[in-house]
C-alpha atoms as a PDB file:
ATOM      1  CA  MET A   1       0.097  -0.018   0.181  1.00  0.00           C
ATOM      2  CA  SER A   2       1.598   3.233  -1.058  1.00  0.00           C
ATOM      3  CA  PRO A   3       1.986   6.157   1.516  1.00  0.00           C
ATOM      4  CA  ASP A   4      -0.575   8.378  -0.659  1.00  0.00           C
ATOM      5  CA  THR A   5      -3.333   5.499  -0.047  1.00  0.00           C
ATOM      6  CA  GLU A   6      -2.783   5.504   3.781  1.00  0.00           C
ATOM      7  CA  GLU A   7      -3.129   8.892   3.836  1.00  0.00           C
ATOM      8  CA  ILE A   8      -6.438   9.072   2.108  1.00  0.00           C
ATOM      9  CA  GLU A   9      -7.639   6.157   4.217  1.00  0.00           C
ATOM     10  CA  LYS A  10      -6.851   8.188   7.325  1.00  0.00           C
ATOM     11  CA  LYS A  11      -8.534  11.374   5.980  1.00  0.00           C
ATOM     12  CA  LEU A  12     -11.526   9.045   5.154  1.00  0.00           C
ATOM     13  CA  LYS A  13     -11.673   7.523   8.638  1.00  0.00           C
ATOM     14  CA  ILE A  14     -11.445  10.734  10.028  1.00  0.00           C
ATOM     15  CA  ILE A  15     -14.152  12.486   7.942  1.00  0.00           C
ATOM     16  CA  ALA A  16     -16.248   9.247   8.612  1.00  0.00           C
ATOM     17  CA  VAL A  17     -16.018  10.056  12.282  1.00  0.00           C
ATOM     18  CA  LEU A  18     -16.797  13.844  11.866  1.00  0.00           C
ATOM     19  CA  PHE A  19     -20.123  12.860   9.703  1.00  0.00           C
ATOM     20  CA  MET A  20     -21.161  10.750  12.576  1.00  0.00           C
ATOM     21  CA  ALA A  21     -20.512  13.399  15.123  1.00  0.00           C
ATOM     22  CA  LEU A  22     -22.652  15.751  12.970  1.00  0.00           C
ATOM     23  CA  ALA A  23     -25.297  13.259  13.026  1.00  0.00           C
ATOM     24  CA  GLY A  24     -25.321  13.492  16.641  1.00  0.00           C
ATOM     25  CA  LEU A  25     -25.510  17.202  16.550  1.00  0.00           C
ATOM     26  CA  CYS A  26     -28.372  17.015  14.272  1.00  0.00           C
ATOM     27  CA  LEU A  27     -30.066  14.608  16.682  1.00  0.00           C
ATOM     28  CA  LEU A  28     -29.314  17.354  19.420  1.00  0.00           C
ATOM     29  CA  MET A  29     -31.270  20.096  17.820  1.00  0.00           C
ATOM     30  CA  LEU A  30     -34.452  17.562  18.622  1.00  0.00           C
ATOM     31  CA  PHE A  31     -33.635  18.422  22.185  1.00  0.00           C
ATOM     32  CA  MET A  32     -33.572  22.027  21.479  1.00  0.00           C
ATOM     33  CA  ILE A  33     -36.690  22.183  19.706  1.00  0.00           C
ATOM     34  CA  PRO A  34     -39.209  21.610  22.823  1.00  0.00           C
ATOM     35  CA  ALA A  35     -36.871  23.924  24.882  1.00  0.00           C
ATOM     36  CA  HIS A  36     -37.507  26.710  22.436  1.00  0.00           C
ATOM     37  CA  TYR A  37     -41.090  25.932  22.336  1.00  0.00           C
ATOM     38  CA  MET A  38     -41.537  25.824  26.047  1.00  0.00           C
ATOM     39  CA  MET A  39     -39.624  29.389  26.150  1.00  0.00           C
ATOM     40  CA  LEU A  40     -42.295  30.995  23.400  1.00  0.00           C
ATOM     41  CA  ASN A  41     -45.160  29.193  25.324  1.00  0.00           C
ATOM     42  CA  THR A  42     -43.715  31.048  28.505  1.00  0.00           C
ATOM     43  CA  PHE A  43     -43.316  34.424  26.600  1.00  0.00           C
ATOM     44  CA  SER A  44     -46.814  34.346  25.179  1.00  0.00           C
ATOM     45  CA  LYS A  45     -48.077  33.941  28.489  1.00  0.00           C
ATOM     46  CA  MET A  46     -46.580  37.076  30.026  1.00  0.00           C
ATOM     47  CA  GLU A  47     -48.466  40.281  30.553  1.00  0.00           C
ATOM     48  CA  PHE A  48     -47.901  43.133  28.331  1.00  0.00           C
ATOM     49  CA  PRO A  49     -48.991  46.707  28.869  1.00  0.00           C
ATOM     50  CA  ASP A  50     -51.845  47.689  26.688  1.00  0.00           C
ATOM     51  CA  ARG A  51     -50.840  50.495  24.464  1.00  0.00           C
ATOM     52  CA  GLY A  52     -53.967  50.977  22.895  1.00  0.00           C
ATOM     53  CA  GLY A  53     -53.888  49.281  19.789  1.00  0.00           C
ATOM     54  CA  GLU A  54     -50.413  48.999  18.980  1.00  0.00           C
ATOM     55  CA  PHE A  55     -48.466  45.580  18.395  1.00  0.00           C
ATOM     56  CA  ASN A  56     -49.436  42.978  20.966  1.00  0.00           C
ATOM     57  CA  PRO A  57     -46.878  40.327  21.323  1.00  0.00           C
ATOM     58  CA  GLN A  58     -49.449  37.913  23.158  1.00  0.00           C
ATOM     59  CA  LYS A  59     -51.906  38.115  20.834  1.00  0.00           C
ATOM     60  CA  MET A  60     -49.619  37.579  17.713  1.00  0.00           C
ATOM     61  CA  ILE A  61     -48.126  34.290  19.352  1.00  0.00           C
ATOM     62  CA  SER A  62     -51.602  32.960  20.285  1.00  0.00           C
ATOM     63  CA  GLU A  63     -52.826  33.419  16.454  1.00  0.00           C
ATOM     64  CA  MET A  64     -49.653  31.866  15.171  1.00  0.00           C
ATOM     65  CA  LYS A  65     -49.700  28.894  17.659  1.00  0.00           C
ATOM     66  CA  GLU A  66     -50.636  26.380  15.144  1.00  0.00           C
ATOM     67  CA  SER A  67     -48.256  27.607  12.387  1.00  0.00           C
ATOM     68  CA  ILE A  68     -45.690  27.734  14.876  1.00  0.00           C
ATOM     69  CA  PHE A  69     -46.304  23.974  16.054  1.00  0.00           C
ATOM     70  CA  VAL A  70     -45.870  22.856  12.366  1.00  0.00           C
ATOM     71  CA  VAL A  71     -42.800  24.741  11.776  1.00  0.00           C
ATOM     72  CA  TYR A  72     -41.456  22.983  14.685  1.00  0.00           C
ATOM     73  CA  LEU A  73     -42.855  19.757  13.577  1.00  0.00           C
ATOM     74  CA  ILE A  74     -40.883  20.403  10.348  1.00  0.00           C
ATOM     75  CA  ALA A  75     -37.649  21.294  11.807  1.00  0.00           C
ATOM     76  CA  GLY A  76     -37.607  18.174  13.947  1.00  0.00           C
ATOM     77  CA  LEU A  77     -38.303  16.003  10.785  1.00  0.00           C
ATOM     78  CA  VAL A  78     -35.888  18.210   8.704  1.00  0.00           C
ATOM     79  CA  SER A  79     -33.295  17.130  11.648  1.00  0.00           C
ATOM     80  CA  VAL A  80     -33.636  13.489  11.824  1.00  0.00           C
ATOM     81  CA  LEU A  81     -33.759  13.290   8.029  1.00  0.00           C
ATOM     82  CA  PHE A  82     -30.251  15.335   8.101  1.00  0.00           C
ATOM     83  CA  ALA A  83     -29.152  13.169  10.855  1.00  0.00           C
ATOM     84  CA  GLY A  84     -29.639   9.892   8.843  1.00  0.00           C
ATOM     85  CA  ILE A  85     -28.002  11.260   5.987  1.00  0.00           C
ATOM     86  CA  ALA A  86     -24.859  12.121   7.786  1.00  0.00           C
ATOM     87  CA  LEU A  87     -24.844   8.922   9.835  1.00  0.00           C
ATOM     88  CA  ALA A  88     -25.345   6.707   6.511  1.00  0.00           C
ATOM     89  CA  THR A  89     -22.502   8.484   4.772  1.00  0.00           C
ATOM     90  CA  GLY A  90     -20.251   8.490   7.854  1.00  0.00           C
ATOM     91  CA  ILE A  91     -20.570   4.562   8.100  1.00  0.00           C
ATOM     92  CA  ASN A  92     -20.355   4.162   4.342  1.00  0.00           C
ATOM     93  CA  LEU A  93     -17.366   6.077   4.192  1.00  0.00           C
ATOM     94  CA  PHE A  94     -15.674   4.079   7.223  1.00  0.00           C
ATOM     95  CA  ARG A  95     -16.446   1.113   5.150  1.00  0.00           C
ATOM     96  CA  LYS A  96     -15.456   2.420   1.824  1.00  0.00           C
ATOM     97  CA  ARG A  97     -18.481   1.497   0.354  1.00  0.00           C
ATOM     98  CA  HIS A  98     -21.269   3.059  -2.086  1.00  0.00           C
ATOM     99  CA  ARG A  99     -19.178   5.932  -3.222  1.00  0.00           C
ATOM    100  CA  THR A 100     -21.877   7.617  -5.177  1.00  0.00           C
ATOM    101  CA  PHE A 101     -24.215   7.634  -2.135  1.00  0.00           C
ATOM    102  CA  CYS A 102     -21.434   9.369  -0.220  1.00  0.00           C
ATOM    103  CA  ILE A 103     -20.816  12.102  -2.567  1.00  0.00           C
ATOM    104  CA  ILE A 104     -24.645  12.437  -2.672  1.00  0.00           C
ATOM    105  CA  GLY A 105     -24.585  12.393   1.589  1.00  0.00           C
ATOM    106  CA  ALA A 106     -21.645  14.906   1.552  1.00  0.00           C
ATOM    107  CA  ALA A 107     -23.318  17.227  -0.964  1.00  0.00           C
ATOM    108  CA  CYS A 108     -26.649  17.470   1.042  1.00  0.00           C
ATOM    109  CA  CYS A 109     -24.856  17.810   4.424  1.00  0.00           C
ATOM    110  CA  CYS A 110     -23.465  20.993   2.767  1.00  0.00           C
ATOM    111  CA  VAL A 111     -26.845  22.784   3.471  1.00  0.00           C
ATOM    112  CA  ILE A 112     -26.375  22.303   7.572  1.00  0.00           C
ATOM    113  CA  GLN A 113     -24.131  25.528   8.174  1.00  0.00           C
ATOM    114  CA  PRO A 114     -21.517  26.017   9.012  1.00  0.00           C
ATOM    115  CA  LEU A 115     -19.981  22.643  10.141  1.00  0.00           C
ATOM    116  CA  GLY A 116     -21.938  20.621   7.497  1.00  0.00           C
ATOM    117  CA  THR A 117     -20.784  22.947   4.711  1.00  0.00           C
ATOM    118  CA  ALA A 118     -16.833  22.421   5.796  1.00  0.00           C
ATOM    119  CA  LEU A 119     -17.098  18.800   6.139  1.00  0.00           C
ATOM    120  CA  GLY A 120     -19.032  18.152   3.039  1.00  0.00           C
ATOM    121  CA  ILE A 121     -16.904  20.226   0.892  1.00  0.00           C
ATOM    122  CA  TRP A 122     -13.681  18.667   2.225  1.00  0.00           C
ATOM    123  CA  ALA A 123     -15.401  15.110   1.983  1.00  0.00           C
ATOM    124  CA  LEU A 124     -16.328  15.768  -1.824  1.00  0.00           C
ATOM    125  CA  PHE A 125     -12.605  16.809  -2.430  1.00  0.00           C
ATOM    126  CA  ILE A 126     -11.314  13.734  -1.270  1.00  0.00           C
ATOM    127  CA  LEU A 127     -14.192  11.552  -2.607  1.00  0.00           C
ATOM    128  CA  PHE A 128     -13.435  13.236  -6.025  1.00  0.00           C
ATOM    129  CA  ASP A 129      -9.612  12.508  -5.455  1.00  0.00           C
ATOM    130  CA  HIS A 130      -8.785  10.264  -8.392  1.00  0.00           C
ATOM    131  CA  LYS A 131      -6.810   8.064  -5.759  1.00  0.00           C
ATOM    132  CA  THR A 132      -9.805   7.411  -3.770  1.00  0.00           C
ATOM    133  CA  LYS A 133     -12.005   5.799  -6.287  1.00  0.00           C
ATOM    134  CA  PRO A 134     -10.039   2.453  -6.305  1.00  0.00           C
ATOM    135  CA  LEU A 135     -10.256   2.516  -2.778  1.00  0.00           C
ATOM    136  CA  PHE A 136     -13.857   1.910  -3.026  1.00  0.00           C
ATOM    137  CA  GLU A 137     -13.701  -0.279  -5.746  1.00  0.00           C
ATOM    138  CA  ALA A 138     -11.151  -2.453  -3.956  1.00  0.00           C
ATOM    139  CA  GLU A 139     -13.481  -3.168  -1.240  1.00  0.00           C
ATOM    140  CA  LYS A 140     -16.328  -4.387  -3.854  1.00  0.00           C
ATOM    141  CA  LEU A 141     -13.946  -7.176  -5.065  1.00  0.00           C
ATOM    142  CA  LEU A 142     -14.143  -8.919  -1.605  1.00  0.00           C
ATOM    143  CA  ASP A 143     -17.223 -11.127  -0.683  1.00  0.00           C
ATOM    144  CA  GLU A 144     -18.089 -13.080   2.032  1.00  0.00           C
ATOM    145  CA  SER A 145     -16.394 -16.354   0.712  1.00  0.00           C
ATOM    146  CA  ASP A 146     -13.172 -14.432   1.110  1.00  0.00           C
ATOM    147  CA  PHE A 147     -13.363 -14.765   4.630  1.00  0.00           C
ATOM    148  CA  LEU A 148     -14.690 -18.190   5.470  1.00  0.00           C
ATOM    149  CA  PRO A 149     -12.729 -20.968   5.787  1.00  0.00           C
END
């Protein structure tokens, strides 16, 4: 194995672990959504002075409660979706399998700013390197029968 190949394998392992950590951060977002909702709910129950027809935050929040709940639900679903994509990408990078899926997963994670963007671009640079493609193809050549006695 050449030194370049060893270096690329090390980078792939580092990127894979970072993608798994990014998946954990996306799942951590799920804990922030209820906390934010509770803060908003507390804010909506606060007493504000009546200024004679001017802006009333309590009334505005109570009118928007259903739509705010939908926004929180969508944010939770998107968070789970990106966590799944990041985790699957990290696992496949670690195993050096499904290069095309890893490219798509890295590109999708570029939407998660700023960490996902930096990690996704770094992963794309590594995945499009001409020395990386043979590593993914070499893993395909192995079969279960290669490991059985």
